[in-house]
Amino acid sequence: MADINRIHRKGDIKTLFEIRLDWLQDDRGILTSNEVKDTIRVALPPAFGGEKDQWSPEHLLLGAVSSCYMTTYLVFTRKLDFAISHFECHTIGTIEMVNGKYEFTTINVYPSIYIADELFREKAITAMQKTQKYCLVSNSLKTNIIYHGQVLNENYTGHDKRIENGAMIENKS
């Protein structure tokens, strides 16, 4: 696989990322990379005849959009010198038949940025605007991407799930 571990600067012409997909059985495969410890199992989604409870290419595309949004946003928190207390992002993709082919026609991205100090609100909004402009994955797609970002006070309790020690926890109301 290609060496992507060198430091990249803004003027670099190319950056390479490489993965490998191996078919397992039926409609399932496994994604690996020499640069990543974990693997991802993928399969056909139930909407197209696959089994439930499996990651699909469609899920991974939405995951790429939302995780790129998060990592880009975190770059801007460092550049603008402010802190957030929590980040979560819900992403919904709509697939439709267009000219005889299925495609994502719209992706709605709902990032929620939690700040502990109201003094960071303007910077948090600026970082959101810059992230929408510079997110590499979103910029690479022809799909209409609509952002519904919000900056919330850390004490906001309107969400029903949170992450603790890497696990999703349901809030008790």
C-alpha atoms as a PDB file:
ATOM      1  CA  MET A   1       0.000   0.000   0.000  1.00  0.00           C
ATOM      2  CA  ALA A   2       1.048   3.606  -0.512  1.00  0.00           C
ATOM      3  CA  ASP A   3       2.900   5.542   2.181  1.00  0.00           C
ATOM      4  CA  ILE A   4       0.503   8.243   3.391  1.00  0.00           C
ATOM      5  CA  ASN A   5       2.309   8.834   6.677  1.00  0.00           C
ATOM      6  CA  ARG A   6       4.429  11.749   5.494  1.00  0.00           C
ATOM      7  CA  ILE A   7       3.470  15.261   6.575  1.00  0.00           C
ATOM      8  CA  HIS A   8       1.311  16.976   3.971  1.00  0.00           C
ATOM      9  CA  ARG A   9       1.348  20.686   3.444  1.00  0.00           C
ATOM     10  CA  LYS A  10      -1.242  22.889   1.779  1.00  0.00           C
ATOM     11  CA  GLY A  11       0.808  23.107  -1.444  1.00  0.00           C
ATOM     12  CA  ASP A  12       1.116  19.337  -1.926  1.00  0.00           C
ATOM     13  CA  ILE A  13      -0.268  18.156  -5.252  1.00  0.00           C
ATOM     14  CA  LYS A  14      -1.423  14.665  -4.256  1.00  0.00           C
ATOM     15  CA  THR A  15      -2.232  12.686  -1.144  1.00  0.00           C
ATOM     16  CA  LEU A  16      -2.940   8.981  -1.469  1.00  0.00           C
ATOM     17  CA  PHE A  17      -5.190   6.806   0.671  1.00  0.00           C
ATOM     18  CA  GLU A  18      -5.520   3.104   0.023  1.00  0.00           C
ATOM     19  CA  ILE A  19      -7.854   0.374   1.255  1.00  0.00           C
ATOM     20  CA  ARG A  20      -8.408  -3.262   0.352  1.00  0.00           C
ATOM     21  CA  LEU A  21     -11.740  -5.047   0.041  1.00  0.00           C
ATOM     22  CA  ASP A  22     -11.917  -8.837   0.242  1.00  0.00           C
ATOM     23  CA  TRP A  23     -15.116 -10.727  -0.491  1.00  0.00           C
ATOM     24  CA  LEU A  24     -16.102 -13.024   2.386  1.00  0.00           C
ATOM     25  CA  GLN A  25     -19.264 -14.797   1.212  1.00  0.00           C
ATOM     26  CA  ASP A  26     -22.738 -14.073  -0.146  1.00  0.00           C
ATOM     27  CA  ASP A  27     -22.937 -10.257  -0.392  1.00  0.00           C
ATOM     28  CA  ARG A  28     -20.412  -9.530   2.372  1.00  0.00           C
ATOM     29  CA  GLY A  29     -16.838  -8.283   2.395  1.00  0.00           C
ATOM     30  CA  ILE A  30     -14.212  -6.853   4.710  1.00  0.00           C
ATOM     31  CA  LEU A  31     -12.341  -3.553   4.367  1.00  0.00           C
ATOM     32  CA  THR A  32      -8.756  -3.274   5.576  1.00  0.00           C
ATOM     33  CA  SER A  33      -5.879  -0.832   5.303  1.00  0.00           C
ATOM     34  CA  ASN A  34      -2.218  -1.066   6.242  1.00  0.00           C
ATOM     35  CA  GLU A  35      -2.620   2.305   7.987  1.00  0.00           C
ATOM     36  CA  VAL A  36      -5.596   1.266  10.142  1.00  0.00           C
ATOM     37  CA  LYS A  37      -5.729  -1.358  12.900  1.00  0.00           C
ATOM     38  CA  ASP A  38      -9.464  -2.114  12.717  1.00  0.00           C
ATOM     39  CA  THR A  39     -11.477  -3.672   9.904  1.00  0.00           C
ATOM     40  CA  ILE A  40     -14.978  -2.903   8.647  1.00  0.00           C
ATOM     41  CA  ARG A  41     -17.373  -5.568   7.448  1.00  0.00           C
ATOM     42  CA  VAL A  42     -19.688  -4.445   4.663  1.00  0.00           C
ATOM     43  CA  ALA A  43     -22.722  -5.931   2.948  1.00  0.00           C
ATOM     44  CA  LEU A  44     -25.662  -5.141   0.728  1.00  0.00           C
ATOM     45  CA  PRO A  45     -28.227  -3.046   2.677  1.00  0.00           C
ATOM     46  CA  PRO A  46     -31.718  -4.418   3.388  1.00  0.00           C
ATOM     47  CA  ALA A  47     -33.227  -1.772   1.065  1.00  0.00           C
ATOM     48  CA  PHE A  48     -31.567  -3.607  -1.828  1.00  0.00           C
ATOM     49  CA  GLY A  49     -32.071  -7.182  -0.659  1.00  0.00           C
ATOM     50  CA  GLY A  50     -29.312  -7.567   1.933  1.00  0.00           C
ATOM     51  CA  GLU A  51     -29.511  -8.615   5.555  1.00  0.00           C
ATOM     52  CA  LYS A  52     -30.086  -6.157   8.392  1.00  0.00           C
ATOM     53  CA  ASP A  53     -27.494  -5.284  11.034  1.00  0.00           C
ATOM     54  CA  GLN A  54     -24.655  -4.879   8.511  1.00  0.00           C
ATOM     55  CA  TRP A  55     -22.703  -1.783   7.471  1.00  0.00           C
ATOM     56  CA  SER A  56     -23.325  -0.988   3.813  1.00  0.00           C
ATOM     57  CA  PRO A  57     -21.542   1.247   1.298  1.00  0.00           C
ATOM     58  CA  GLU A  58     -24.462   3.658   1.711  1.00  0.00           C
ATOM     59  CA  HIS A  59     -23.890   3.855   5.489  1.00  0.00           C
ATOM     60  CA  LEU A  60     -20.167   4.304   4.929  1.00  0.00           C
ATOM     61  CA  LEU A  61     -20.706   7.186   2.497  1.00  0.00           C
ATOM     62  CA  LEU A  62     -22.852   8.995   5.069  1.00  0.00           C
ATOM     63  CA  GLY A  63     -20.250   8.132   7.714  1.00  0.00           C
ATOM     64  CA  ALA A  64     -17.544   9.640   5.505  1.00  0.00           C
ATOM     65  CA  VAL A  65     -19.541  12.875   5.157  1.00  0.00           C
ATOM     66  CA  SER A  66     -20.234  13.243   8.884  1.00  0.00           C
ATOM     67  CA  SER A  67     -16.798  12.127  10.104  1.00  0.00           C
ATOM     68  CA  CYS A  68     -15.080  14.444   7.614  1.00  0.00           C
ATOM     69  CA  TYR A  69     -17.291  17.252   8.906  1.00  0.00           C
ATOM     70  CA  MET A  70     -16.233  16.451  12.482  1.00  0.00           C
ATOM     71  CA  THR A  71     -12.505  16.201  11.793  1.00  0.00           C
ATOM     72  CA  THR A  72     -12.527  19.366   9.677  1.00  0.00           C
ATOM     73  CA  TYR A  73     -14.461  21.186  12.405  1.00  0.00           C
ATOM     74  CA  LEU A  74     -11.904  20.097  15.006  1.00  0.00           C
ATOM     75  CA  VAL A  75      -9.097  21.486  12.831  1.00  0.00           C
ATOM     76  CA  PHE A  76     -10.865  24.851  12.897  1.00  0.00           C
ATOM     77  CA  THR A  77     -11.317  24.730  16.688  1.00  0.00           C
ATOM     78  CA  ARG A  78      -7.528  24.570  16.945  1.00  0.00           C
ATOM     79  CA  LYS A  79      -6.947  27.276  14.327  1.00  0.00           C
ATOM     80  CA  LEU A  80      -9.481  29.611  15.956  1.00  0.00           C
ATOM     81  CA  ASP A  81      -8.264  28.684  19.461  1.00  0.00           C
ATOM     82  CA  PHE A  82     -11.446  27.647  21.222  1.00  0.00           C
ATOM     83  CA  ALA A  83     -12.798  24.514  22.885  1.00  0.00           C
ATOM     84  CA  ILE A  84     -15.975  22.526  22.523  1.00  0.00           C
ATOM     85  CA  SER A  85     -17.401  20.214  25.153  1.00  0.00           C
ATOM     86  CA  HIS A  86     -19.187  17.794  22.809  1.00  0.00           C
ATOM     87  CA  PHE A  87     -19.831  17.157  19.132  1.00  0.00           C
ATOM     88  CA  GLU A  88     -22.517  14.985  17.573  1.00  0.00           C
ATOM     89  CA  CYS A  89     -23.744  14.709  14.036  1.00  0.00           C
ATOM     90  CA  HIS A  90     -26.824  13.008  12.615  1.00  0.00           C
ATOM     91  CA  THR A  91     -26.733  12.467   8.854  1.00  0.00           C
ATOM     92  CA  ILE A  92     -29.572  11.383   6.562  1.00  0.00           C
ATOM     93  CA  GLY A  93     -29.165  10.503   2.906  1.00  0.00           C
ATOM     94  CA  THR A  94     -32.010  10.248   0.403  1.00  0.00           C
ATOM     95  CA  ILE A  95     -31.590   7.762  -2.442  1.00  0.00           C
ATOM     96  CA  GLU A  96     -33.773   8.101  -5.525  1.00  0.00           C
ATOM     97  CA  MET A  97     -33.911   6.790  -9.068  1.00  0.00           C
ATOM     98  CA  VAL A  98     -32.458   9.433 -11.422  1.00  0.00           C
ATOM     99  CA  ASN A  99     -32.221   8.774 -15.162  1.00  0.00           C
ATOM    100  CA  GLY A 100     -32.574   5.045 -14.577  1.00  0.00           C
ATOM    101  CA  LYS A 101     -29.904   4.859 -11.833  1.00  0.00           C
ATOM    102  CA  TYR A 102     -30.004   5.020  -8.045  1.00  0.00           C
ATOM    103  CA  GLU A 103     -28.094   7.893  -6.509  1.00  0.00           C
ATOM    104  CA  PHE A 104     -27.986   9.970  -3.359  1.00  0.00           C
ATOM    105  CA  THR A 105     -29.992  13.056  -4.298  1.00  0.00           C
ATOM    106  CA  THR A 106     -29.730  14.867  -0.970  1.00  0.00           C
ATOM    107  CA  ILE A 107     -27.683  14.477   2.171  1.00  0.00           C
ATOM    108  CA  ASN A 108     -28.843  16.375   5.256  1.00  0.00           C
ATOM    109  CA  VAL A 109     -26.145  16.913   7.878  1.00  0.00           C
ATOM    110  CA  TYR A 110     -27.206  17.891  11.411  1.00  0.00           C
ATOM    111  CA  PRO A 111     -24.089  18.748  13.445  1.00  0.00           C
ATOM    112  CA  SER A 112     -24.587  19.855  17.048  1.00  0.00           C
ATOM    113  CA  ILE A 113     -21.633  21.623  18.598  1.00  0.00           C
ATOM    114  CA  TYR A 114     -21.687  22.022  22.366  1.00  0.00           C
ATOM    115  CA  ILE A 115     -19.769  24.862  23.986  1.00  0.00           C
ATOM    116  CA  ALA A 116     -19.165  25.336  27.704  1.00  0.00           C
ATOM    117  CA  ASP A 117     -18.617  29.073  27.430  1.00  0.00           C
ATOM    118  CA  GLU A 118     -20.829  31.519  25.523  1.00  0.00           C
ATOM    119  CA  LEU A 119     -17.682  33.516  24.715  1.00  0.00           C
ATOM    120  CA  PHE A 120     -16.911  30.780  22.142  1.00  0.00           C
ATOM    121  CA  ARG A 121     -20.237  31.042  20.279  1.00  0.00           C
ATOM    122  CA  GLU A 122     -19.022  33.329  17.463  1.00  0.00           C
ATOM    123  CA  LYS A 123     -15.892  31.249  16.928  1.00  0.00           C
ATOM    124  CA  ALA A 124     -17.987  28.072  16.937  1.00  0.00           C
ATOM    125  CA  ILE A 125     -20.278  29.521  14.250  1.00  0.00           C
ATOM    126  CA  THR A 126     -17.299  30.704  12.187  1.00  0.00           C
ATOM    127  CA  ALA A 127     -15.740  27.232  12.424  1.00  0.00           C
ATOM    128  CA  MET A 128     -19.046  25.728  11.260  1.00  0.00           C
ATOM    129  CA  GLN A 129     -19.115  28.003   8.215  1.00  0.00           C
ATOM    130  CA  LYS A 130     -15.485  27.223   7.346  1.00  0.00           C
ATOM    131  CA  THR A 131     -16.109  23.487   7.781  1.00  0.00           C
ATOM    132  CA  GLN A 132     -19.012  23.595   5.325  1.00  0.00           C
ATOM    133  CA  LYS A 133     -16.736  25.311   2.816  1.00  0.00           C
ATOM    134  CA  TYR A 134     -13.628  23.148   3.243  1.00  0.00           C
ATOM    135  CA  CYS A 135     -14.888  19.627   4.071  1.00  0.00           C
ATOM    136  CA  LEU A 136     -12.984  17.440   1.593  1.00  0.00           C
ATOM    137  CA  VAL A 137     -15.511  14.595   1.338  1.00  0.00           C
ATOM    138  CA  SER A 138     -18.503  16.891   0.868  1.00  0.00           C
ATOM    139  CA  ASN A 139     -16.597  18.887  -1.740  1.00  0.00           C
ATOM    140  CA  SER A 140     -15.925  15.649  -3.644  1.00  0.00           C
ATOM    141  CA  LEU A 141     -19.595  14.685  -4.047  1.00  0.00           C
ATOM    142  CA  LYS A 142     -22.069  15.884  -6.666  1.00  0.00           C
ATOM    143  CA  THR A 143     -24.949  15.288  -4.248  1.00  0.00           C
ATOM    144  CA  ASN A 144     -26.853  18.240  -2.789  1.00  0.00           C
ATOM    145  CA  ILE A 145     -25.623  18.542   0.824  1.00  0.00           C
ATOM    146  CA  ILE A 146     -27.688  20.629   3.221  1.00  0.00           C
ATOM    147  CA  TYR A 147     -26.254  21.601   6.619  1.00  0.00           C
ATOM    148  CA  HIS A 148     -28.464  22.157   9.650  1.00  0.00           C
ATOM    149  CA  GLY A 149     -25.787  23.047  12.213  1.00  0.00           C
ATOM    150  CA  GLN A 150     -26.424  24.363  15.663  1.00  0.00           C
ATOM    151  CA  VAL A 151     -24.228  25.639  18.465  1.00  0.00           C
ATOM    152  CA  LEU A 152     -25.638  24.746  21.870  1.00  0.00           C
ATOM    153  CA  ASN A 153     -24.777  25.496  25.454  1.00  0.00           C
ATOM    154  CA  GLU A 154     -23.095  22.561  27.207  1.00  0.00           C
ATOM    155  CA  ASN A 155     -26.086  22.233  29.535  1.00  0.00           C
ATOM    156  CA  TYR A 156     -28.431  21.416  26.637  1.00  0.00           C
ATOM    157  CA  THR A 157     -30.295  18.185  27.439  1.00  0.00           C
ATOM    158  CA  GLY A 158     -32.519  17.839  24.378  1.00  0.00           C
ATOM    159  CA  HIS A 159     -30.614  14.879  22.930  1.00  0.00           C
ATOM    160  CA  ASP A 160     -31.502  11.363  23.994  1.00  0.00           C
ATOM    161  CA  LYS A 161     -28.106   9.683  23.572  1.00  0.00           C
ATOM    162  CA  ARG A 162     -24.544  10.440  24.577  1.00  0.00           C
ATOM    163  CA  ILE A 163     -21.132   8.787  24.313  1.00  0.00           C
ATOM    164  CA  GLU A 164     -19.375   7.578  27.450  1.00  0.00           C
ATOM    165  CA  ASN A 165     -16.125   5.646  27.232  1.00  0.00           C
ATOM    166  CA  GLY A 166     -16.766   4.958  23.558  1.00  0.00           C
ATOM    167  CA  ALA A 167     -20.250   3.476  24.094  1.00  0.00           C
ATOM    168  CA  MET A 168     -23.644   4.970  23.159  1.00  0.00           C
ATOM    169  CA  ILE A 169     -25.705   5.542  26.322  1.00  0.00           C
ATOM    170  CA  GLU A 170     -29.443   6.317  26.347  1.00  0.00           C
ATOM    171  CA  ASN A 171     -30.322   9.295  28.553  1.00  0.00           C
ATOM    172  CA  LYS A 172     -33.020   8.659  31.143  1.00  0.00           C
ATOM    173  CA  SER A 173     -35.738  11.321  30.999  1.00  0.00           C
END
